Structures are given as structure tokens and as C-alpha cells.
Amino acid sequence: MKQRSSKGLVLVLLGIVLLIVIAPLVLRPGAAFGGSDDAGSEMVAEVTGEAYEPWFTPVLETALGGELPGEIESLLFCVQTGIGVGVIAFALGRWVERKKWMDRMKGDGEAP
């Protein structure tokens, strides 16, 4: 049986990714992409008839005496993302290596 060309598959998948990224920009050029916080606040106001008021203020905003600059918020978000990716990559790496080790032990005839 002949194996399909991986180059063609990569090109098709790349085309699909580009379509997913570009289609919303072309189909709705003036659309505002708001966050979930804004949508949640609007929904609460719609259901209760009152404006949403947060229950507490963020710790860093309280300590610094005001809102964090956008660059700092982005930095903290990126650091949080990096830590999460690191933990997931470490766990997956350990899982793969453990599976390899277990297979190797079974192949030697020894009990794990």
C-alpha cells in the first residue's frame, strides 16, 4: 500500500488554518471582538436590570493604587501561559518516558 504524501497533507492543513484565521476578518470587517468579561457584565445587567458591580478589587490593583497598564497585564498573562505550557509539557514528557521505560522493562523480561 502506498503512503500518502505528507507534504500535500501539510499544505491542506495550512490552508485550513489560514482560512480559519482570515475568514472572520473578511466576513465581518467592522466587528468588535470583546472579551468574556464584557459579555458577562452585559448579560448580568440584562437579567437583573442593574449594572454589574464587582465583589472585590484585584490584589495588584489595590497594592499599586490603580489599574495595571496594558503592557503589564499582557506580561502577566504571557508568564501565566508559559508556566501552564511548561507544566503540561513536563507532565507529557514524563508520561512518554515512563511508557518507554515500562516497554523496555517488559522487553528485558524483568518485572517493572
PDB file of N, CA and C in Angstrom:
ATOM      1  N   MET A   1       0.845  -1.174   0.000  1.00  0.00           N
ATOM      2  CA  MET A   1       0.000   0.000   0.000  1.00  0.00           C
ATOM      3  C   MET A   1       0.892   1.238   0.000  1.00  0.00           C
ATOM      4  N   LYS A   2       0.573   2.213  -0.855  1.00  0.00           N
ATOM      5  CA  LYS A   2       1.376   3.416  -0.986  1.00  0.00           C
ATOM      6  C   LYS A   2       0.939   4.447   0.062  1.00  0.00           C
ATOM      7  N   GLN A   3       1.944   5.043   0.717  1.00  0.00           N
ATOM      8  CA  GLN A   3       1.655   6.040   1.748  1.00  0.00           C
ATOM      9  C   GLN A   3       1.421   7.396   1.092  1.00  0.00           C
ATOM     10  N   ARG A   4       0.463   8.167   1.626  1.00  0.00           N
ATOM     11  CA  ARG A   4       0.159   9.489   1.086  1.00  0.00           C
ATOM     12  C   ARG A   4       1.311  10.444   1.365  1.00  0.00           C
ATOM     13  N   SER A   5       1.436  11.418   0.535  1.00  0.00           N
ATOM     14  CA  SER A   5       2.487  12.415   0.694  1.00  0.00           C
ATOM     15  C   SER A   5       2.158  13.319   1.874  1.00  0.00           C
ATOM     16  N   SER A   6       3.087  13.429   2.798  1.00  0.00           N
ATOM     17  CA  SER A   6       2.857  14.279   3.958  1.00  0.00           C
ATOM     18  C   SER A   6       2.937  15.751   3.580  1.00  0.00           C
ATOM     19  N   LYS A   7       3.644  16.064   2.483  1.00  0.00           N
ATOM     20  CA  LYS A   7       3.755  17.447   2.037  1.00  0.00           C
ATOM     21  C   LYS A   7       2.391  17.989   1.613  1.00  0.00           C
ATOM     22  N   GLY A   8       1.624  17.183   0.891  1.00  0.00           N
ATOM     23  CA  GLY A   8       0.285  17.601   0.472  1.00  0.00           C
ATOM     24  C   GLY A   8      -0.645  17.783   1.660  1.00  0.00           C
ATOM     25  N   LEU A   9      -0.550  16.883   2.636  1.00  0.00           N
ATOM     26  CA  LEU A   9      -1.370  16.992   3.842  1.00  0.00           C
ATOM     27  C   LEU A   9      -1.044  18.256   4.618  1.00  0.00           C
ATOM     28  N   VAL A  10       0.238  18.577   4.733  1.00  0.00           N
ATOM     29  CA  VAL A  10       0.653  19.790   5.441  1.00  0.00           C
ATOM     30  C   VAL A  10       0.113  21.025   4.735  1.00  0.00           C
ATOM     31  N   LEU A  11       0.166  21.046   3.430  1.00  0.00           N
ATOM     32  CA  LEU A  11      -0.349  22.196   2.683  1.00  0.00           C
ATOM     33  C   LEU A  11      -1.852  22.356   2.847  1.00  0.00           C
ATOM     34  N   VAL A  12      -2.586  21.245   2.844  1.00  0.00           N
ATOM     35  CA  VAL A  12      -4.038  21.309   3.045  1.00  0.00           C
ATOM     36  C   VAL A  12      -4.353  21.832   4.441  1.00  0.00           C
ATOM     37  N   LEU A  13      -3.658  21.314   5.452  1.00  0.00           N
ATOM     38  CA  LEU A  13      -3.898  21.770   6.823  1.00  0.00           C
ATOM     39  C   LEU A  13      -3.518  23.237   7.004  1.00  0.00           C
ATOM     40  N   LEU A  14      -2.443  23.661   6.383  1.00  0.00           N
ATOM     41  CA  LEU A  14      -2.042  25.063   6.439  1.00  0.00           C
ATOM     42  C   LEU A  14      -3.094  25.953   5.783  1.00  0.00           C
ATOM     43  N   GLY A  15      -3.656  25.507   4.670  1.00  0.00           N
ATOM     44  CA  GLY A  15      -4.729  26.255   4.023  1.00  0.00           C
ATOM     45  C   GLY A  15      -5.960  26.376   4.905  1.00  0.00           C
ATOM     46  N   ILE A  16      -6.306  25.305   5.604  1.00  0.00           N
ATOM     47  CA  ILE A  16      -7.457  25.342   6.508  1.00  0.00           C
ATOM     48  C   ILE A  16      -7.211  26.316   7.655  1.00  0.00           C
ATOM     49  N   VAL A  17      -6.005  26.300   8.217  1.00  0.00           N
ATOM     50  CA  VAL A  17      -5.668  27.223   9.308  1.00  0.00           C
ATOM     51  C   VAL A  17      -5.757  28.664   8.834  1.00  0.00           C
ATOM     52  N   LEU A  18      -5.210  28.953   7.665  1.00  0.00           N
ATOM     53  CA  LEU A  18      -5.295  30.308   7.125  1.00  0.00           C
ATOM     54  C   LEU A  18      -6.740  30.729   6.894  1.00  0.00           C
ATOM     55  N   LEU A  19      -7.553  29.819   6.412  1.00  0.00           N
ATOM     56  CA  LEU A  19      -8.969  30.118   6.200  1.00  0.00           C
ATOM     57  C   LEU A  19      -9.668  30.445   7.518  1.00  0.00           C
ATOM     58  N   ILE A  20      -9.368  29.676   8.562  1.00  0.00           N
ATOM     59  CA  ILE A  20      -9.977  29.920   9.872  1.00  0.00           C
ATOM     60  C   ILE A  20      -9.543  31.276  10.432  1.00  0.00           C
ATOM     61  N   VAL A  21      -8.297  31.650  10.203  1.00  0.00           N
ATOM     62  CA  VAL A  21      -7.791  32.915  10.736  1.00  0.00           C
ATOM     63  C   VAL A  21      -8.307  34.109   9.934  1.00  0.00           C
ATOM     64  N   ILE A  22      -8.330  33.991   8.618  1.00  0.00           N
ATOM     65  CA  ILE A  22      -8.654  35.134   7.771  1.00  0.00           C
ATOM     66  C   ILE A  22     -10.157  35.315   7.561  1.00  0.00           C
ATOM     67  N   ALA A  23     -10.936  34.246   7.564  1.00  0.00           N
ATOM     68  CA  ALA A  23     -12.371  34.330   7.265  1.00  0.00           C
ATOM     69  C   ALA A  23     -13.115  35.314   8.165  1.00  0.00           C
ATOM     70  N   PRO A  24     -12.933  35.298   9.499  1.00  0.00           N
ATOM     71  CA  PRO A  24     -13.675  36.268  10.324  1.00  0.00           C
ATOM     72  C   PRO A  24     -13.317  37.710  10.006  1.00  0.00           C
ATOM     73  N   LEU A  25     -12.079  37.978   9.627  1.00  0.00           N
ATOM     74  CA  LEU A  25     -11.669  39.344   9.310  1.00  0.00           C
ATOM     75  C   LEU A  25     -12.280  39.829   8.004  1.00  0.00           C
ATOM     76  N   VAL A  26     -12.463  38.919   7.054  1.00  0.00           N
ATOM     77  CA  VAL A  26     -13.017  39.291   5.757  1.00  0.00           C
ATOM     78  C   VAL A  26     -14.543  39.361   5.814  1.00  0.00           C
ATOM     79  N   LEU A  27     -15.160  38.408   6.491  1.00  0.00           N
ATOM     80  CA  LEU A  27     -16.618  38.351   6.522  1.00  0.00           C
ATOM     81  C   LEU A  27     -17.249  39.435   7.396  1.00  0.00           C
ATOM     82  N   ARG A  28     -16.547  39.849   8.455  1.00  0.00           N
ATOM     83  CA  ARG A  28     -17.073  40.887   9.352  1.00  0.00           C
ATOM     84  C   ARG A  28     -15.978  41.900   9.642  1.00  0.00           C
ATOM     85  N   PRO A  29     -15.685  42.776   8.682  1.00  0.00           N
ATOM     86  CA  PRO A  29     -14.542  43.680   8.831  1.00  0.00           C
ATOM     87  C   PRO A  29     -14.676  44.690   9.966  1.00  0.00           C
ATOM     88  N   GLY A  30     -15.871  45.120  10.313  1.00  0.00           N
ATOM     89  CA  GLY A  30     -16.032  46.132  11.359  1.00  0.00           C
ATOM     90  C   GLY A  30     -16.412  45.557  12.702  1.00  0.00           C
ATOM     91  N   ALA A  31     -16.322  44.242  12.854  1.00  0.00           N
ATOM     92  CA  ALA A  31     -16.766  43.601  14.088  1.00  0.00           C
ATOM     93  C   ALA A  31     -15.840  43.937  15.247  1.00  0.00           C
ATOM     94  N   ALA A  32     -16.433  44.151  16.393  1.00  0.00           N
ATOM     95  CA  ALA A  32     -15.666  44.393  17.612  1.00  0.00           C
ATOM     96  C   ALA A  32     -15.548  43.068  18.355  1.00  0.00           C
ATOM     97  N   PHE A  33     -14.326  42.688  18.646  1.00  0.00           N
ATOM     98  CA  PHE A  33     -14.086  41.440  19.360  1.00  0.00           C
ATOM     99  C   PHE A  33     -13.910  41.754  20.837  1.00  0.00           C
ATOM    100  N   GLY A  34     -14.976  41.635  21.606  1.00  0.00           N
ATOM    101  CA  GLY A  34     -14.924  41.926  23.034  1.00  0.00           C
ATOM    102  C   GLY A  34     -14.574  40.695  23.840  1.00  0.00           C
ATOM    103  N   GLY A  35     -14.220  40.926  25.074  1.00  0.00           N
ATOM    104  CA  GLY A  35     -13.854  39.823  25.945  1.00  0.00           C
ATOM    105  C   GLY A  35     -15.064  39.227  26.642  1.00  0.00           C
ATOM    106  N   SER A  36     -14.832  38.124  27.327  1.00  0.00           N
ATOM    107  CA  SER A  36     -15.918  37.456  28.035  1.00  0.00           C
ATOM    108  C   SER A  36     -16.361  38.255  29.253  1.00  0.00           C
ATOM    109  N   ASP A  37     -15.463  39.063  29.827  1.00  0.00           N
ATOM    110  CA  ASP A  37     -15.847  39.898  30.966  1.00  0.00           C
ATOM    111  C   ASP A  37     -16.930  40.891  30.555  1.00  0.00           C
ATOM    112  N   ASP A  38     -16.739  41.514  29.389  1.00  0.00           N
ATOM    113  CA  ASP A  38     -17.731  42.474  28.908  1.00  0.00           C
ATOM    114  C   ASP A  38     -19.066  41.793  28.619  1.00  0.00           C
ATOM    115  N   ALA A  39     -19.015  40.630  27.979  1.00  0.00           N
ATOM    116  CA  ALA A  39     -20.247  39.914  27.647  1.00  0.00           C
ATOM    117  C   ALA A  39     -20.970  39.471  28.914  1.00  0.00           C
ATOM    118  N   GLY A  40     -20.221  39.024  29.909  1.00  0.00           N
ATOM    119  CA  GLY A  40     -20.832  38.604  31.178  1.00  0.00           C
ATOM    120  C   GLY A  40     -21.487  39.767  31.913  1.00  0.00           C
ATOM    121  N   SER A  41     -20.809  40.906  31.932  1.00  0.00           N
ATOM    122  CA  SER A  41     -21.363  42.090  32.587  1.00  0.00           C
ATOM    123  C   SER A  41     -22.646  42.546  31.905  1.00  0.00           C
ATOM    124  N   GLU A  42     -22.652  42.512  30.583  1.00  0.00           N
ATOM    125  CA  GLU A  42     -23.855  42.899  29.843  1.00  0.00           C
ATOM    126  C   GLU A  42     -25.011  41.940  30.112  1.00  0.00           C
ATOM    127  N   MET A  43     -24.719  40.649  30.206  1.00  0.00           N
ATOM    128  CA  MET A  43     -25.761  39.659  30.455  1.00  0.00           C
ATOM    129  C   MET A  43     -26.339  39.825  31.863  1.00  0.00           C
ATOM    130  N   VAL A  44     -25.485  40.081  32.850  1.00  0.00           N
ATOM    131  CA  VAL A  44     -25.967  40.298  34.217  1.00  0.00           C
ATOM    132  C   VAL A  44     -26.864  41.530  34.266  1.00  0.00           C
ATOM    133  N   ALA A  45     -26.458  42.596  33.592  1.00  0.00           N
ATOM    134  CA  ALA A  45     -27.262  43.814  33.556  1.00  0.00           C
ATOM    135  C   ALA A  45     -28.603  43.569  32.874  1.00  0.00           C
ATOM    136  N   GLU A  46     -28.594  42.735  31.839  1.00  0.00           N
ATOM    137  CA  GLU A  46     -29.832  42.433  31.117  1.00  0.00           C
ATOM    138  C   GLU A  46     -30.786  41.607  31.977  1.00  0.00           C
ATOM    139  N   VAL A  47     -30.263  40.644  32.716  1.00  0.00           N
ATOM    140  CA  VAL A  47     -31.098  39.752  33.516  1.00  0.00           C
ATOM    141  C   VAL A  47     -31.616  40.438  34.782  1.00  0.00           C
ATOM    142  N   THR A  48     -30.728  41.146  35.488  1.00  0.00           N
ATOM    143  CA  THR A  48     -31.128  41.743  36.767  1.00  0.00           C
ATOM    144  C   THR A  48     -31.710  43.136  36.623  1.00  0.00           C
ATOM    145  N   GLY A  49     -31.398  43.811  35.535  1.00  0.00           N
ATOM    146  CA  GLY A  49     -31.883  45.169  35.352  1.00  0.00           C
ATOM    147  C   GLY A  49     -30.992  46.196  36.021  1.00  0.00           C
ATOM    148  N   GLU A  50     -29.902  45.755  36.637  1.00  0.00           N
ATOM    149  CA  GLU A  50     -28.952  46.665  37.290  1.00  0.00           C
ATOM    150  C   GLU A  50     -27.574  46.458  36.683  1.00  0.00           C
ATOM    151  N   ALA A  51     -26.754  47.480  36.792  1.00  0.00           N
ATOM    152  CA  ALA A  51     -25.384  47.356  36.304  1.00  0.00           C
ATOM    153  C   ALA A  51     -24.596  46.423  37.231  1.00  0.00           C
ATOM    154  N   TYR A  52     -23.724  45.633  36.652  1.00  0.00           N
ATOM    155  CA  TYR A  52     -22.911  44.697  37.437  1.00  0.00           C
ATOM    156  C   TYR A  52     -21.844  45.457  38.207  1.00  0.00           C
ATOM    157  N   GLU A  53     -21.721  45.148  39.484  1.00  0.00           N
ATOM    158  CA  GLU A  53     -20.674  45.747  40.305  1.00  0.00           C
ATOM    159  C   GLU A  53     -19.809  44.621  40.869  1.00  0.00           C
ATOM    160  N   PRO A  54     -18.499  44.648  40.605  1.00  0.00           N
ATOM    161  CA  PRO A  54     -17.623  43.578  41.093  1.00  0.00           C
ATOM    162  C   PRO A  54     -17.659  43.460  42.613  1.00  0.00           C
ATOM    163  N   TRP A  55     -17.444  42.247  43.123  1.00  0.00           N
ATOM    164  CA  TRP A  55     -17.485  41.988  44.552  1.00  0.00           C
ATOM    165  C   TRP A  55     -16.203  42.412  45.256  1.00  0.00           C
ATOM    166  N   PHE A  56     -15.107  42.414  44.529  1.00  0.00           N
ATOM    167  CA  PHE A  56     -13.811  42.767  45.123  1.00  0.00           C
ATOM    168  C   PHE A  56     -12.938  43.418  44.066  1.00  0.00           C
ATOM    169  N   THR A  57     -11.854  44.010  44.508  1.00  0.00           N
ATOM    170  CA  THR A  57     -10.898  44.586  43.571  1.00  0.00           C
ATOM    171  C   THR A  57      -9.670  43.688  43.506  1.00  0.00           C
ATOM    172  N   PRO A  58      -9.038  43.583  42.360  1.00  0.00           N
ATOM    173  CA  PRO A  58      -7.847  42.740  42.229  1.00  0.00           C
ATOM    174  C   PRO A  58      -6.737  43.182  43.189  1.00  0.00           C
ATOM    175  N   VAL A  59      -5.979  42.212  43.685  1.00  0.00           N
ATOM    176  CA  VAL A  59      -4.956  42.470  44.694  1.00  0.00           C
ATOM    177  C   VAL A  59      -3.892  43.435  44.173  1.00  0.00           C
ATOM    178  N   LEU A  60      -3.384  43.213  42.971  1.00  0.00           N
ATOM    179  CA  LEU A  60      -2.339  44.092  42.443  1.00  0.00           C
ATOM    180  C   LEU A  60      -2.843  45.509  42.214  1.00  0.00           C
ATOM    181  N   GLU A  61      -4.082  45.644  41.795  1.00  0.00           N
ATOM    182  CA  GLU A  61      -4.626  46.989  41.599  1.00  0.00           C
ATOM    183  C   GLU A  61      -4.763  47.713  42.930  1.00  0.00           C
ATOM    184  N   THR A  62      -5.119  46.994  43.981  1.00  0.00           N
ATOM    185  CA  THR A  62      -5.223  47.591  45.306  1.00  0.00           C
ATOM    186  C   THR A  62      -3.843  48.003  45.801  1.00  0.00           C
ATOM    187  N   ALA A  63      -2.845  47.135  45.618  1.00  0.00           N
ATOM    188  CA  ALA A  63      -1.496  47.410  46.109  1.00  0.00           C
ATOM    189  C   ALA A  63      -0.842  48.569  45.347  1.00  0.00           C
ATOM    190  N   LEU A  64      -1.091  48.670  44.056  1.00  0.00           N
ATOM    191  CA  LEU A  64      -0.469  49.717  43.252  1.00  0.00           C
ATOM    192  C   LEU A  64      -1.278  51.003  43.223  1.00  0.00           C
ATOM    193  N   GLY A  65      -2.487  50.969  43.728  1.00  0.00           N
ATOM    194  CA  GLY A  65      -3.306  52.174  43.791  1.00  0.00           C
ATOM    195  C   GLY A  65      -3.991  52.542  42.489  1.00  0.00           C
ATOM    196  N   GLY A  66      -4.169  51.613  41.594  1.00  0.00           N
ATOM    197  CA  GLY A  66      -4.852  51.897  40.336  1.00  0.00           C
ATOM    198  C   GLY A  66      -4.785  50.706  39.409  1.00  0.00           C
ATOM    199  N   GLU A  67      -5.349  50.894  38.216  1.00  0.00           N
ATOM    200  CA  GLU A  67      -5.360  49.805  37.244  1.00  0.00           C
ATOM    201  C   GLU A  67      -3.963  49.542  36.707  1.00  0.00           C
ATOM    202  N   LEU A  68      -3.697  48.282  36.391  1.00  0.00           N
ATOM    203  CA  LEU A  68      -2.416  47.913  35.802  1.00  0.00           C
ATOM    204  C   LEU A  68      -2.361  48.394  34.355  1.00  0.00           C
ATOM    205  N   PRO A  69      -1.192  48.844  33.902  1.00  0.00           N
ATOM    206  CA  PRO A  69      -1.066  49.193  32.489  1.00  0.00           C
ATOM    207  C   PRO A  69      -1.267  47.950  31.618  1.00  0.00           C
ATOM    208  N   GLY A  70      -1.705  48.157  30.400  1.00  0.00           N
ATOM    209  CA  GLY A  70      -1.982  47.056  29.487  1.00  0.00           C
ATOM    210  C   GLY A  70      -0.776  46.176  29.230  1.00  0.00           C
ATOM    211  N   GLU A  71       0.418  46.776  29.182  1.00  0.00           N
ATOM    212  CA  GLU A  71       1.632  46.001  28.933  1.00  0.00           C
ATOM    213  C   GLU A  71       1.904  45.039  30.084  1.00  0.00           C
ATOM    214  N   ILE A  72       1.667  45.491  31.305  1.00  0.00           N
ATOM    215  CA  ILE A  72       1.905  44.644  32.480  1.00  0.00           C
ATOM    216  C   ILE A  72       0.891  43.507  32.514  1.00  0.00           C
ATOM    217  N   GLU A  73      -0.355  43.815  32.189  1.00  0.00           N
ATOM    218  CA  GLU A  73      -1.369  42.764  32.130  1.00  0.00           C
ATOM    219  C   GLU A  73      -0.991  41.710  31.086  1.00  0.00           C
ATOM    220  N   SER A  74      -0.529  42.163  29.932  1.00  0.00           N
ATOM    221  CA  SER A  74      -0.109  41.224  28.879  1.00  0.00           C
ATOM    222  C   SER A  74       1.073  40.393  29.335  1.00  0.00           C
ATOM    223  N   LEU A  75       2.027  41.026  30.012  1.00  0.00           N
ATOM    224  CA  LEU A  75       3.189  40.309  30.511  1.00  0.00           C
ATOM    225  C   LEU A  75       2.775  39.228  31.499  1.00  0.00           C
ATOM    226  N   LEU A  76       1.916  39.578  32.449  1.00  0.00           N
ATOM    227  CA  LEU A  76       1.469  38.597  33.440  1.00  0.00           C
ATOM    228  C   LEU A  76       0.704  37.454  32.783  1.00  0.00           C
ATOM    229  N   PHE A  77      -0.105  37.779  31.782  1.00  0.00           N
ATOM    230  CA  PHE A  77      -0.843  36.738  31.067  1.00  0.00           C
ATOM    231  C   PHE A  77       0.121  35.804  30.343  1.00  0.00           C
ATOM    232  N   CYS A  78       1.150  36.363  29.706  1.00  0.00           N
ATOM    233  CA  CYS A  78       2.134  35.536  28.996  1.00  0.00           C
ATOM    234  C   CYS A  78       2.933  34.666  29.955  1.00  0.00           C
ATOM    235  N   VAL A  79       3.295  35.207  31.120  1.00  0.00           N
ATOM    236  CA  VAL A  79       4.017  34.414  32.112  1.00  0.00           C
ATOM    237  C   VAL A  79       3.145  33.263  32.594  1.00  0.00           C
ATOM    238  N   GLN A  80       1.879  33.558  32.857  1.00  0.00           N
ATOM    239  CA  GLN A  80       0.938  32.515  33.289  1.00  0.00           C
ATOM    240  C   GLN A  80       0.809  31.439  32.218  1.00  0.00           C
ATOM    241  N   THR A  81       0.713  31.842  30.969  1.00  0.00           N
ATOM    242  CA  THR A  81       0.619  30.887  29.869  1.00  0.00           C
ATOM    243  C   THR A  81       1.875  30.038  29.772  1.00  0.00           C
ATOM    244  N   GLY A  82       3.036  30.678  29.898  1.00  0.00           N
ATOM    245  CA  GLY A  82       4.298  29.953  29.829  1.00  0.00           C
ATOM    246  C   GLY A  82       4.429  28.919  30.933  1.00  0.00           C
ATOM    247  N   ILE A  83       4.028  29.276  32.137  1.00  0.00           N
ATOM    248  CA  ILE A  83       4.083  28.323  33.252  1.00  0.00           C
ATOM    249  C   ILE A  83       3.147  27.149  32.990  1.00  0.00           C
ATOM    250  N   GLY A  84       1.950  27.431  32.515  1.00  0.00           N
ATOM    251  CA  GLY A  84       0.994  26.361  32.219  1.00  0.00           C
ATOM    252  C   GLY A  84       1.497  25.422  31.136  1.00  0.00           C
ATOM    253  N   VAL A  85       2.067  25.980  30.080  1.00  0.00           N
ATOM    254  CA  VAL A  85       2.602  25.154  28.998  1.00  0.00           C
ATOM    255  C   VAL A  85       3.770  24.320  29.515  1.00  0.00           C
ATOM    256  N   GLY A  86       4.610  24.918  30.361  1.00  0.00           N
ATOM    257  CA  GLY A  86       5.734  24.181  30.934  1.00  0.00           C
ATOM    258  C   GLY A  86       5.289  22.998  31.763  1.00  0.00           C
ATOM    259  N   VAL A  87       4.255  23.194  32.579  1.00  0.00           N
ATOM    260  CA  VAL A  87       3.745  22.103  33.411  1.00  0.00           C
ATOM    261  C   VAL A  87       3.162  20.994  32.543  1.00  0.00           C
ATOM    262  N   ILE A  88       2.391  21.367  31.529  1.00  0.00           N
ATOM    263  CA  ILE A  88       1.789  20.364  30.646  1.00  0.00           C
ATOM    264  C   ILE A  88       2.870  19.611  29.877  1.00  0.00           C
ATOM    265  N   ALA A  89       3.873  20.326  29.354  1.00  0.00           N
ATOM    266  CA  ALA A  89       4.953  19.675  28.603  1.00  0.00           C
ATOM    267  C   ALA A  89       5.750  18.738  29.507  1.00  0.00           C
ATOM    268  N   PHE A  90       6.009  19.154  30.740  1.00  0.00           N
ATOM    269  CA  PHE A  90       6.728  18.298  31.680  1.00  0.00           C
ATOM    270  C   PHE A  90       5.940  17.022  31.957  1.00  0.00           C
ATOM    271  N   ALA A  91       4.636  17.168  32.208  1.00  0.00           N
ATOM    272  CA  ALA A  91       3.801  16.001  32.502  1.00  0.00           C
ATOM    273  C   ALA A  91       3.737  15.051  31.305  1.00  0.00           C
ATOM    274  N   LEU A  92       3.567  15.590  30.108  1.00  0.00           N
ATOM    275  CA  LEU A  92       3.520  14.733  28.921  1.00  0.00           C
ATOM    276  C   LEU A  92       4.866  14.056  28.676  1.00  0.00           C
ATOM    277  N   GLY A  93       5.960  14.773  28.892  1.00  0.00           N
ATOM    278  CA  GLY A  93       7.282  14.189  28.735  1.00  0.00           C
ATOM    279  C   GLY A  93       7.522  13.046  29.706  1.00  0.00           C
ATOM    280  N   ARG A  94       7.110  13.247  30.962  1.00  0.00           N
ATOM    281  CA  ARG A  94       7.253  12.181  31.955  1.00  0.00           C
ATOM    282  C   ARG A  94       6.412  10.972  31.576  1.00  0.00           C
ATOM    283  N   TRP A  95       5.209  11.218  31.075  1.00  0.00           N
ATOM    284  CA  TRP A  95       4.307  10.130  30.712  1.00  0.00           C
ATOM    285  C   TRP A  95       4.900   9.304  29.563  1.00  0.00           C
ATOM    286  N   VAL A  96       5.433  10.003  28.552  1.00  0.00           N
ATOM    287  CA  VAL A  96       6.017   9.307  27.403  1.00  0.00           C
ATOM    288  C   VAL A  96       7.248   8.514  27.824  1.00  0.00           C
ATOM    289  N   GLU A  97       8.121   9.135  28.607  1.00  0.00           N
ATOM    290  CA  GLU A  97       9.330   8.434  29.041  1.00  0.00           C
ATOM    291  C   GLU A  97       8.993   7.254  29.942  1.00  0.00           C
ATOM    292  N   ARG A  98       7.985   7.378  30.771  1.00  0.00           N
ATOM    293  CA  ARG A  98       7.579   6.265  31.641  1.00  0.00           C
ATOM    294  C   ARG A  98       7.075   5.101  30.798  1.00  0.00           C
ATOM    295  N   LYS A  99       6.297   5.434  29.761  1.00  0.00           N
ATOM    296  CA  LYS A  99       5.792   4.377  28.882  1.00  0.00           C
ATOM    297  C   LYS A  99       6.953   3.671  28.176  1.00  0.00           C
ATOM    298  N   LYS A 100       7.937   4.439  27.697  1.00  0.00           N
ATOM    299  CA  LYS A 100       9.103   3.836  27.057  1.00  0.00           C
ATOM    300  C   LYS A 100       9.859   2.946  28.042  1.00  0.00           C
ATOM    301  N   TRP A 101      10.019   3.416  29.266  1.00  0.00           N
ATOM    302  CA  TRP A 101      10.736   2.656  30.291  1.00  0.00           C
ATOM    303  C   TRP A 101       9.995   1.357  30.606  1.00  0.00           C
ATOM    304  N   MET A 102       8.675   1.444  30.717  1.00  0.00           N
ATOM    305  CA  MET A 102       7.876   0.248  31.017  1.00  0.00           C
ATOM    306  C   MET A 102       7.976  -0.755  29.867  1.00  0.00           C
ATOM    307  N   ASP A 103       7.931  -0.285  28.630  1.00  0.00           N
ATOM    308  CA  ASP A 103       8.060  -1.180  27.478  1.00  0.00           C
ATOM    309  C   ASP A 103       9.444  -1.829  27.443  1.00  0.00           C
ATOM    310  N   ARG A 104      10.481  -1.069  27.779  1.00  0.00           N
ATOM    311  CA  ARG A 104      11.829  -1.582  27.800  1.00  0.00           C
ATOM    312  C   ARG A 104      11.981  -2.653  28.878  1.00  0.00           C
ATOM    313  N   MET A 105      11.363  -2.418  30.043  1.00  0.00           N
ATOM    314  CA  MET A 105      11.442  -3.400  31.138  1.00  0.00           C
ATOM    315  C   MET A 105      10.714  -4.696  30.772  1.00  0.00           C
ATOM    316  N   LYS A 106       9.597  -4.583  30.078  1.00  0.00           N
ATOM    317  CA  LYS A 106       8.865  -5.771  29.655  1.00  0.00           C
ATOM    318  C   LYS A 106       9.659  -6.553  28.625  1.00  0.00           C
ATOM    319  N   GLY A 107      10.388  -5.844  27.773  1.00  0.00           N
ATOM    320  CA  GLY A 107      11.180  -6.482  26.736  1.00  0.00           C
ATOM    321  C   GLY A 107      12.379  -7.244  27.306  1.00  0.00           C
ATOM    322  N   ASP A 108      12.907  -6.783  28.435  1.00  0.00           N
ATOM    323  CA  ASP A 108      14.054  -7.463  29.073  1.00  0.00           C
ATOM    324  C   ASP A 108      13.635  -8.680  29.846  1.00  0.00           C
ATOM    325  N   GLY A 109      12.349  -8.858  30.050  1.00  0.00           N
ATOM    326  CA  GLY A 109      11.856  -9.999  30.816  1.00  0.00           C
ATOM    327  C   GLY A 109      11.788  -9.731  32.305  1.00  0.00           C
ATOM    328  N   GLU A 110      12.112  -8.507  32.713  1.00  0.00           N
ATOM    329  CA  GLU A 110      12.066  -8.163  34.140  1.00  0.00           C
ATOM    330  C   GLU A 110      10.699  -7.574  34.465  1.00  0.00           C
ATOM    331  N   ALA A 111      10.317  -7.749  35.695  1.00  0.00           N
ATOM    332  CA  ALA A 111       9.073  -7.148  36.143  1.00  0.00           C
ATOM    333  C   ALA A 111       9.314  -5.692  36.491  1.00  0.00           C
ATOM    334  N   PRO A 112       8.410  -4.815  36.145  1.00  0.00           N
ATOM    335  CA  PRO A 112       8.619  -3.400  36.459  1.00  0.00           C
ATOM    336  C   PRO A 112       8.545  -3.120  37.931  1.00  0.00           C
TER     337      PRO A 112
END
